[in-house]
Amino acid sequence: IRFPSKWYKLNENIERINELLQNTQVEISI
């Protein structure tokens, strides 16, 4: 659907943001 994104990369980036930032709200838009 979101060509040519890579599923694993999206998850890596979200995990990295959660680890490094305290002032962040991550939401999923579908």
PDB file of all heavy atoms in Angstrom:
ATOM      1  N   ILE A   1       0.836  -1.204   0.000  1.00  0.00           N
ATOM      2  CA  ILE A   1       0.000   0.000   0.000  1.00  0.00           C
ATOM      3  C   ILE A   1       0.870   1.253   0.000  1.00  0.00           C
ATOM      4  O   ILE A   1       0.625   2.188  -0.770  1.00  0.00           O
ATOM      5  CB  ILE A   1      -0.942   0.008   1.224  1.00  0.00           C
ATOM      6  CG1 ILE A   1      -1.941  -1.147   1.145  1.00  0.00           C
ATOM      7  CG2 ILE A   1      -1.683   1.341   1.332  1.00  0.00           C
ATOM      8  CD1 ILE A   1      -2.788  -1.318   2.393  1.00  0.00           C
ATOM      9  N   ARG A   2       1.887   1.270   0.854  1.00  0.00           N
ATOM     10  CA  ARG A   2       2.742   2.444   0.997  1.00  0.00           C
ATOM     11  C   ARG A   2       4.081   2.187   0.303  1.00  0.00           C
ATOM     12  O   ARG A   2       5.150   2.298   0.898  1.00  0.00           O
ATOM     13  CB  ARG A   2       2.901   2.798   2.471  1.00  0.00           C
ATOM     14  CG  ARG A   2       1.553   2.989   3.184  1.00  0.00           C
ATOM     15  CD  ARG A   2       1.694   3.610   4.543  1.00  0.00           C
ATOM     16  NE  ARG A   2       2.227   4.953   4.458  1.00  0.00           N
ATOM     17  CZ  ARG A   2       1.514   6.036   4.156  1.00  0.00           C
ATOM     18  NH1 ARG A   2       0.218   5.934   3.907  1.00  0.00           N
ATOM     19  NH2 ARG A   2       2.077   7.222   4.092  1.00  0.00           N
ATOM     20  N   PHE A   3       4.012   1.857  -0.939  1.00  0.00           N
ATOM     21  CA  PHE A   3       5.162   1.483  -1.773  1.00  0.00           C
ATOM     22  C   PHE A   3       6.124   2.661  -1.957  1.00  0.00           C
ATOM     23  O   PHE A   3       5.684   3.793  -2.181  1.00  0.00           O
ATOM     24  CB  PHE A   3       4.632   1.023  -3.144  1.00  0.00           C
ATOM     25  CG  PHE A   3       5.666   0.482  -4.070  1.00  0.00           C
ATOM     26  CD1 PHE A   3       6.032  -0.846  -4.008  1.00  0.00           C
ATOM     27  CD2 PHE A   3       6.263   1.294  -5.027  1.00  0.00           C
ATOM     28  CE1 PHE A   3       6.984  -1.359  -4.883  1.00  0.00           C
ATOM     29  CE2 PHE A   3       7.208   0.798  -5.896  1.00  0.00           C
ATOM     30  CZ  PHE A   3       7.570  -0.533  -5.825  1.00  0.00           C
ATOM     31  N   PRO A   4       7.460   2.447  -1.844  1.00  0.00           N
ATOM     32  CA  PRO A   4       8.159   1.205  -1.517  1.00  0.00           C
ATOM     33  C   PRO A   4       8.706   1.198  -0.088  1.00  0.00           C
ATOM     34  O   PRO A   4       9.891   0.944   0.133  1.00  0.00           O
ATOM     35  CB  PRO A   4       9.307   1.231  -2.527  1.00  0.00           C
ATOM     36  CG  PRO A   4       9.657   2.703  -2.621  1.00  0.00           C
ATOM     37  CD  PRO A   4       8.386   3.465  -2.386  1.00  0.00           C
ATOM     38  N   SER A   5       7.867   1.505   0.891  1.00  0.00           N
ATOM     39  CA  SER A   5       8.315   1.496   2.283  1.00  0.00           C
ATOM     40  C   SER A   5       8.696   0.084   2.724  1.00  0.00           C
ATOM     41  O   SER A   5       8.313  -0.900   2.082  1.00  0.00           O
ATOM     42  CB  SER A   5       7.219   2.046   3.200  1.00  0.00           C
ATOM     43  OG  SER A   5       6.106   1.169   3.224  1.00  0.00           O
ATOM     44  N   LYS A   6       9.455   0.006   3.811  1.00  0.00           N
ATOM     45  CA  LYS A   6       9.880  -1.281   4.373  1.00  0.00           C
ATOM     46  C   LYS A   6       9.376  -1.379   5.804  1.00  0.00           C
ATOM     47  O   LYS A   6       9.725  -0.555   6.655  1.00  0.00           O
ATOM     48  CB  LYS A   6      11.402  -1.419   4.332  1.00  0.00           C
ATOM     49  CG  LYS A   6      11.983  -1.371   2.917  1.00  0.00           C
ATOM     50  CD  LYS A   6      11.457  -2.508   2.050  1.00  0.00           C
ATOM     51  CE  LYS A   6      12.009  -2.448   0.633  1.00  0.00           C
ATOM     52  NZ  LYS A   6      11.386  -3.460  -0.255  1.00  0.00           N
ATOM     53  N   TRP A   7       8.580  -2.385   6.075  1.00  0.00           N
ATOM     54  CA  TRP A   7       7.946  -2.564   7.376  1.00  0.00           C
ATOM     55  C   TRP A   7       8.955  -2.538   8.519  1.00  0.00           C
ATOM     56  O   TRP A   7       8.739  -1.869   9.542  1.00  0.00           O
ATOM     57  CB  TRP A   7       7.163  -3.873   7.370  1.00  0.00           C
ATOM     58  CG  TRP A   7       6.628  -4.307   8.700  1.00  0.00           C
ATOM     59  CD1 TRP A   7       7.087  -5.319   9.476  1.00  0.00           C
ATOM     60  CD2 TRP A   7       5.514  -3.731   9.397  1.00  0.00           C
ATOM     61  NE1 TRP A   7       6.345  -5.417  10.622  1.00  0.00           N
ATOM     62  CE2 TRP A   7       5.364  -4.457  10.604  1.00  0.00           C
ATOM     63  CE3 TRP A   7       4.640  -2.685   9.137  1.00  0.00           C
ATOM     64  CZ2 TRP A   7       4.381  -4.164  11.525  1.00  0.00           C
ATOM     65  CZ3 TRP A   7       3.648  -2.387  10.065  1.00  0.00           C
ATOM     66  CH2 TRP A   7       3.524  -3.126  11.244  1.00  0.00           C
ATOM     67  N   TYR A   8      10.072  -3.245   8.353  1.00  0.00           N
ATOM     68  CA  TYR A   8      11.049  -3.332   9.442  1.00  0.00           C
ATOM     69  C   TYR A   8      11.629  -1.961   9.775  1.00  0.00           C
ATOM     70  O   TYR A   8      11.908  -1.651  10.943  1.00  0.00           O
ATOM     71  CB  TYR A   8      12.175  -4.317   9.081  1.00  0.00           C
ATOM     72  CG  TYR A   8      13.200  -3.776   8.113  1.00  0.00           C
ATOM     73  CD1 TYR A   8      14.335  -3.112   8.560  1.00  0.00           C
ATOM     74  CD2 TYR A   8      13.034  -3.902   6.733  1.00  0.00           C
ATOM     75  CE1 TYR A   8      15.274  -2.598   7.679  1.00  0.00           C
ATOM     76  CE2 TYR A   8      13.962  -3.398   5.840  1.00  0.00           C
ATOM     77  CZ  TYR A   8      15.073  -2.749   6.317  1.00  0.00           C
ATOM     78  OH  TYR A   8      15.993  -2.236   5.439  1.00  0.00           O
ATOM     79  N   LYS A   9      11.803  -1.116   8.753  1.00  0.00           N
ATOM     80  CA  LYS A   9      12.403   0.200   8.960  1.00  0.00           C
ATOM     81  C   LYS A   9      11.469   1.110   9.747  1.00  0.00           C
ATOM     82  O   LYS A   9      11.908   1.875  10.619  1.00  0.00           O
ATOM     83  CB  LYS A   9      12.736   0.836   7.603  1.00  0.00           C
ATOM     84  CG  LYS A   9      13.548   2.124   7.714  1.00  0.00           C
ATOM     85  CD  LYS A   9      14.914   1.847   8.331  1.00  0.00           C
ATOM     86  CE  LYS A   9      15.764   3.106   8.382  1.00  0.00           C
ATOM     87  NZ  LYS A   9      17.080   2.866   9.041  1.00  0.00           N
ATOM     88  N   LEU A  10      10.177   1.037   9.472  1.00  0.00           N
ATOM     89  CA  LEU A  10       9.203   1.843  10.210  1.00  0.00           C
ATOM     90  C   LEU A  10       9.266   1.512  11.698  1.00  0.00           C
ATOM     91  O   LEU A  10       9.268   2.397  12.558  1.00  0.00           O
ATOM     92  CB  LEU A  10       7.788   1.588   9.701  1.00  0.00           C
ATOM     93  CG  LEU A  10       7.535   1.643   8.196  1.00  0.00           C
ATOM     94  CD1 LEU A  10       6.072   1.350   7.898  1.00  0.00           C
ATOM     95  CD2 LEU A  10       7.929   3.000   7.638  1.00  0.00           C
ATOM     96  N   ASN A  11       9.311   0.220  12.003  1.00  0.00           N
ATOM     97  CA  ASN A  11       9.350  -0.210  13.397  1.00  0.00           C
ATOM     98  C   ASN A  11      10.651   0.200  14.072  1.00  0.00           C
ATOM     99  O   ASN A  11      10.653   0.618  15.238  1.00  0.00           O
ATOM    100  CB  ASN A  11       9.163  -1.727  13.470  1.00  0.00           C
ATOM    101  CG  ASN A  11       7.725  -2.140  13.256  1.00  0.00           C
ATOM    102  OD1 ASN A  11       6.926  -2.162  14.168  1.00  0.00           O
ATOM    103  ND2 ASN A  11       7.380  -2.456  12.011  1.00  0.00           N
ATOM    104  N   GLU A  12      11.758   0.095  13.355  1.00  0.00           N
ATOM    105  CA  GLU A  12      13.044   0.525  13.906  1.00  0.00           C
ATOM    106  C   GLU A  12      13.015   1.998  14.279  1.00  0.00           C
ATOM    107  O   GLU A  12      13.492   2.395  15.355  1.00  0.00           O
ATOM    108  CB  GLU A  12      14.168   0.280  12.891  1.00  0.00           C
ATOM    109  CG  GLU A  12      14.613  -1.161  12.774  1.00  0.00           C
ATOM    110  CD  GLU A  12      15.761  -1.313  11.789  1.00  0.00           C
ATOM    111  OE1 GLU A  12      16.189  -0.286  11.195  1.00  0.00           O
ATOM    112  OE2 GLU A  12      16.237  -2.448  11.599  1.00  0.00           O
ATOM    113  N   ASN A  13      12.457   2.820  13.407  1.00  0.00           N
ATOM    114  CA  ASN A  13      12.423   4.266  13.651  1.00  0.00           C
ATOM    115  C   ASN A  13      11.532   4.616  14.832  1.00  0.00           C
ATOM    116  O   ASN A  13      11.879   5.486  15.651  1.00  0.00           O
ATOM    117  CB  ASN A  13      11.946   4.988  12.397  1.00  0.00           C
ATOM    118  CG  ASN A  13      13.011   5.055  11.316  1.00  0.00           C
ATOM    119  OD1 ASN A  13      14.206   4.957  11.602  1.00  0.00           O
ATOM    120  ND2 ASN A  13      12.593   5.222  10.074  1.00  0.00           N
ATOM    121  N   ILE A  14      10.389   3.956  14.957  1.00  0.00           N
ATOM    122  CA  ILE A  14       9.496   4.227  16.090  1.00  0.00           C
ATOM    123  C   ILE A  14      10.156   3.811  17.402  1.00  0.00           C
ATOM    124  O   ILE A  14      10.104   4.536  18.408  1.00  0.00           O
ATOM    125  CB  ILE A  14       8.148   3.504  15.887  1.00  0.00           C
ATOM    126  CG1 ILE A  14       7.368   4.167  14.747  1.00  0.00           C
ATOM    127  CG2 ILE A  14       7.320   3.533  17.178  1.00  0.00           C
ATOM    128  CD1 ILE A  14       6.089   3.450  14.371  1.00  0.00           C
ATOM    129  N   GLU A  15      10.809   2.646  17.420  1.00  0.00           N
ATOM    130  CA  GLU A  15      11.506   2.188  18.622  1.00  0.00           C
ATOM    131  C   GLU A  15      12.623   3.151  19.008  1.00  0.00           C
ATOM    132  O   GLU A  15      12.827   3.461  20.192  1.00  0.00           O
ATOM    133  CB  GLU A  15      12.077   0.786  18.382  1.00  0.00           C
ATOM    134  CG  GLU A  15      10.998  -0.297  18.294  1.00  0.00           C
ATOM    135  CD  GLU A  15      11.578  -1.659  17.923  1.00  0.00           C
ATOM    136  OE1 GLU A  15      12.830  -1.765  17.862  1.00  0.00           O
ATOM    137  OE2 GLU A  15      10.800  -2.585  17.684  1.00  0.00           O
ATOM    138  N   ARG A  16      13.350   3.624  18.013  1.00  0.00           N
ATOM    139  CA  ARG A  16      14.459   4.557  18.266  1.00  0.00           C
ATOM    140  C   ARG A  16      13.949   5.862  18.865  1.00  0.00           C
ATOM    141  O   ARG A  16      14.527   6.393  19.822  1.00  0.00           O
ATOM    142  CB  ARG A  16      15.166   4.818  16.939  1.00  0.00           C
ATOM    143  CG  ARG A  16      16.339   5.772  16.997  1.00  0.00           C
ATOM    144  CD  ARG A  16      17.074   5.730  15.666  1.00  0.00           C
ATOM    145  NE  ARG A  16      17.884   6.899  15.450  1.00  0.00           N
ATOM    146  CZ  ARG A  16      17.857   7.638  14.351  1.00  0.00           C
ATOM    147  NH1 ARG A  16      17.034   7.327  13.366  1.00  0.00           N
ATOM    148  NH2 ARG A  16      18.653   8.688  14.216  1.00  0.00           N
ATOM    149  N   ILE A  17      12.858   6.392  18.345  1.00  0.00           N
ATOM    150  CA  ILE A  17      12.280   7.631  18.860  1.00  0.00           C
ATOM    151  C   ILE A  17      11.817   7.446  20.303  1.00  0.00           C
ATOM    152  O   ILE A  17      12.063   8.299  21.170  1.00  0.00           O
ATOM    153  CB  ILE A  17      11.106   8.083  17.961  1.00  0.00           C
ATOM    154  CG1 ILE A  17      11.650   8.601  16.630  1.00  0.00           C
ATOM    155  CG2 ILE A  17      10.267   9.144  18.654  1.00  0.00           C
ATOM    156  CD1 ILE A  17      10.603   8.756  15.567  1.00  0.00           C
ATOM    157  N   ASN A  18      11.168   6.340  20.589  1.00  0.00           N
ATOM    158  CA  ASN A  18      10.694   6.074  21.951  1.00  0.00           C
ATOM    159  C   ASN A  18      11.842   5.955  22.939  1.00  0.00           C
ATOM    160  O   ASN A  18      11.718   6.345  24.108  1.00  0.00           O
ATOM    161  CB  ASN A  18       9.847   4.800  21.971  1.00  0.00           C
ATOM    162  CG  ASN A  18       8.468   5.005  21.372  1.00  0.00           C
ATOM    163  OD1 ASN A  18       7.919   6.101  21.407  1.00  0.00           O
ATOM    164  ND2 ASN A  18       7.908   3.943  20.812  1.00  0.00           N
ATOM    165  N   GLU A  19      12.965   5.426  22.482  1.00  0.00           N
ATOM    166  CA  GLU A  19      14.131   5.252  23.353  1.00  0.00           C
ATOM    167  C   GLU A  19      14.826   6.576  23.647  1.00  0.00           C
ATOM    168  O   GLU A  19      15.316   6.799  24.759  1.00  0.00           O
ATOM    169  CB  GLU A  19      15.132   4.290  22.701  1.00  0.00           C
ATOM    170  CG  GLU A  19      14.685   2.845  22.685  1.00  0.00           C
ATOM    171  CD  GLU A  19      15.643   1.954  21.904  1.00  0.00           C
ATOM    172  OE1 GLU A  19      16.695   2.480  21.437  1.00  0.00           O
ATOM    173  OE2 GLU A  19      15.361   0.755  21.737  1.00  0.00           O
ATOM    174  N   LEU A  20      14.865   7.475  22.655  1.00  0.00           N
ATOM    175  CA  LEU A  20      15.696   8.668  22.758  1.00  0.00           C
ATOM    176  C   LEU A  20      14.953   9.934  23.184  1.00  0.00           C
ATOM    177  O   LEU A  20      15.577  10.897  23.603  1.00  0.00           O
ATOM    178  CB  LEU A  20      16.396   8.930  21.420  1.00  0.00           C
ATOM    179  CG  LEU A  20      17.371   7.834  20.953  1.00  0.00           C
ATOM    180  CD1 LEU A  20      17.926   8.178  19.578  1.00  0.00           C
ATOM    181  CD2 LEU A  20      18.508   7.669  21.963  1.00  0.00           C
ATOM    182  N   LEU A  21      13.623   9.931  23.071  1.00  0.00           N
ATOM    183  CA  LEU A  21      12.866  11.148  23.367  1.00  0.00           C
ATOM    184  C   LEU A  21      11.839  10.909  24.467  1.00  0.00           C
ATOM    185  O   LEU A  21      11.169   9.885  24.494  1.00  0.00           O
ATOM    186  CB  LEU A  21      12.159  11.641  22.098  1.00  0.00           C
ATOM    187  CG  LEU A  21      13.059  12.123  20.951  1.00  0.00           C
ATOM    188  CD1 LEU A  21      12.232  12.393  19.711  1.00  0.00           C
ATOM    189  CD2 LEU A  21      13.829  13.378  21.356  1.00  0.00           C
ATOM    190  N   GLN A  22      11.722  11.897  25.361  1.00  0.00           N
ATOM    191  CA  GLN A  22      10.774  11.798  26.471  1.00  0.00           C
ATOM    192  C   GLN A  22       9.511  12.637  26.244  1.00  0.00           C
ATOM    193  O   GLN A  22       8.490  12.407  26.889  1.00  0.00           O
ATOM    194  CB  GLN A  22      11.454  12.272  27.777  1.00  0.00           C
ATOM    195  CG  GLN A  22      12.720  11.514  28.117  1.00  0.00           C
ATOM    196  CD  GLN A  22      12.466  10.035  28.360  1.00  0.00           C
ATOM    197  OE1 GLN A  22      11.491   9.678  29.028  1.00  0.00           O
ATOM    198  NE2 GLN A  22      13.330   9.179  27.835  1.00  0.00           N
ATOM    199  N   ASN A  23       9.594  13.597  25.342  1.00  0.00           N
ATOM    200  CA  ASN A  23       8.503  14.569  25.165  1.00  0.00           C
ATOM    201  C   ASN A  23       7.619  14.224  23.973  1.00  0.00           C
ATOM    202  O   ASN A  23       6.991  15.100  23.386  1.00  0.00           O
ATOM    203  CB  ASN A  23       9.082  15.971  24.962  1.00  0.00           C
ATOM    204  CG  ASN A  23       9.949  16.062  23.700  1.00  0.00           C
ATOM    205  OD1 ASN A  23      10.473  15.053  23.233  1.00  0.00           O
ATOM    206  ND2 ASN A  23      10.096  17.261  23.155  1.00  0.00           N
ATOM    207  N   THR A  24       7.550  12.949  23.615  1.00  0.00           N
ATOM    208  CA  THR A  24       6.969  12.557  22.337  1.00  0.00           C
ATOM    209  C   THR A  24       5.716  11.703  22.489  1.00  0.00           C
ATOM    210  O   THR A  24       5.660  10.808  23.335  1.00  0.00           O
ATOM    211  CB  THR A  24       8.006  11.774  21.502  1.00  0.00           C
ATOM    212  OG1 THR A  24       9.161  12.588  21.345  1.00  0.00           O
ATOM    213  CG2 THR A  24       7.447  11.417  20.139  1.00  0.00           C
ATOM    214  N   GLN A  25       4.751  11.990  21.655  1.00  0.00           N
ATOM    215  CA  GLN A  25       3.553  11.161  21.542  1.00  0.00           C
ATOM    216  C   GLN A  25       3.511  10.594  20.120  1.00  0.00           C
ATOM    217  O   GLN A  25       3.341  11.327  19.156  1.00  0.00           O
ATOM    218  CB  GLN A  25       2.297  11.989  21.810  1.00  0.00           C
ATOM    219  CG  GLN A  25       0.994  11.206  21.657  1.00  0.00           C
ATOM    220  CD  GLN A  25      -0.218  12.039  22.035  1.00  0.00           C
ATOM    221  OE1 GLN A  25      -0.204  12.752  23.037  1.00  0.00           O
ATOM    222  NE2 GLN A  25      -1.268  11.954  21.238  1.00  0.00           N
ATOM    223  N   VAL A  26       3.690   9.297  20.011  1.00  0.00           N
ATOM    224  CA  VAL A  26       3.624   8.624  18.715  1.00  0.00           C
ATOM    225  C   VAL A  26       2.211   8.089  18.514  1.00  0.00           C
ATOM    226  O   VAL A  26       1.668   7.408  19.380  1.00  0.00           O
ATOM    227  CB  VAL A  26       4.646   7.470  18.629  1.00  0.00           C
ATOM    228  CG1 VAL A  26       4.481   6.697  17.316  1.00  0.00           C
ATOM    229  CG2 VAL A  26       6.070   8.009  18.747  1.00  0.00           C
ATOM    230  N   GLU A  27       1.612   8.427  17.391  1.00  0.00           N
ATOM    231  CA  GLU A  27       0.276   7.949  17.045  1.00  0.00           C
ATOM    232  C   GLU A  27       0.342   7.227  15.701  1.00  0.00           C
ATOM    233  O   GLU A  27       1.203   7.520  14.876  1.00  0.00           O
ATOM    234  CB  GLU A  27      -0.720   9.113  16.961  1.00  0.00           C
ATOM    235  CG  GLU A  27      -0.826   9.904  18.248  1.00  0.00           C
ATOM    236  CD  GLU A  27      -1.816  11.054  18.142  1.00  0.00           C
ATOM    237  OE1 GLU A  27      -2.459  11.196  17.072  1.00  0.00           O
ATOM    238  OE2 GLU A  27      -1.949  11.812  19.121  1.00  0.00           O
ATOM    239  N   ILE A  28      -0.571   6.309  15.501  1.00  0.00           N
ATOM    240  CA  ILE A  28      -0.632   5.567  14.244  1.00  0.00           C
ATOM    241  C   ILE A  28      -1.866   6.025  13.467  1.00  0.00           C
ATOM    242  O   ILE A  28      -2.989   5.958  13.984  1.00  0.00           O
ATOM    243  CB  ILE A  28      -0.696   4.046  14.489  1.00  0.00           C
ATOM    244  CG1 ILE A  28       0.439   3.605  15.418  1.00  0.00           C
ATOM    245  CG2 ILE A  28      -0.650   3.298  13.159  1.00  0.00           C
ATOM    246  CD1 ILE A  28       1.831   3.891  14.919  1.00  0.00           C
ATOM    247  N   SER A  29      -1.634   6.512  12.255  1.00  0.00           N
ATOM    248  CA  SER A  29      -2.726   6.980  11.396  1.00  0.00           C
ATOM    249  C   SER A  29      -2.939   5.980  10.266  1.00  0.00           C
ATOM    250  O   SER A  29      -2.016   5.696   9.497  1.00  0.00           O
ATOM    251  CB  SER A  29      -2.401   8.359  10.813  1.00  0.00           C
ATOM    252  OG  SER A  29      -2.401   9.339  11.825  1.00  0.00           O
ATOM    253  N   ILE A  30      -4.151   5.461  10.193  1.00  0.00           N
ATOM    254  CA  ILE A  30      -4.486   4.413   9.225  1.00  0.00           C
ATOM    255  C   ILE A  30      -5.530   4.925   8.243  1.00  0.00           C
ATOM    256  O   ILE A  30      -6.536   5.519   8.644  1.00  0.00           O
ATOM    257  CB  ILE A  30      -5.042   3.171   9.943  1.00  0.00           C
ATOM    258  CG1 ILE A  30      -4.029   2.646  10.974  1.00  0.00           C
ATOM    259  CG2 ILE A  30      -5.410   2.076   8.942  1.00  0.00           C
ATOM    260  CD1 ILE A  30      -4.601   1.589  11.912  1.00  0.00           C
TER     261      ILE A  30
END
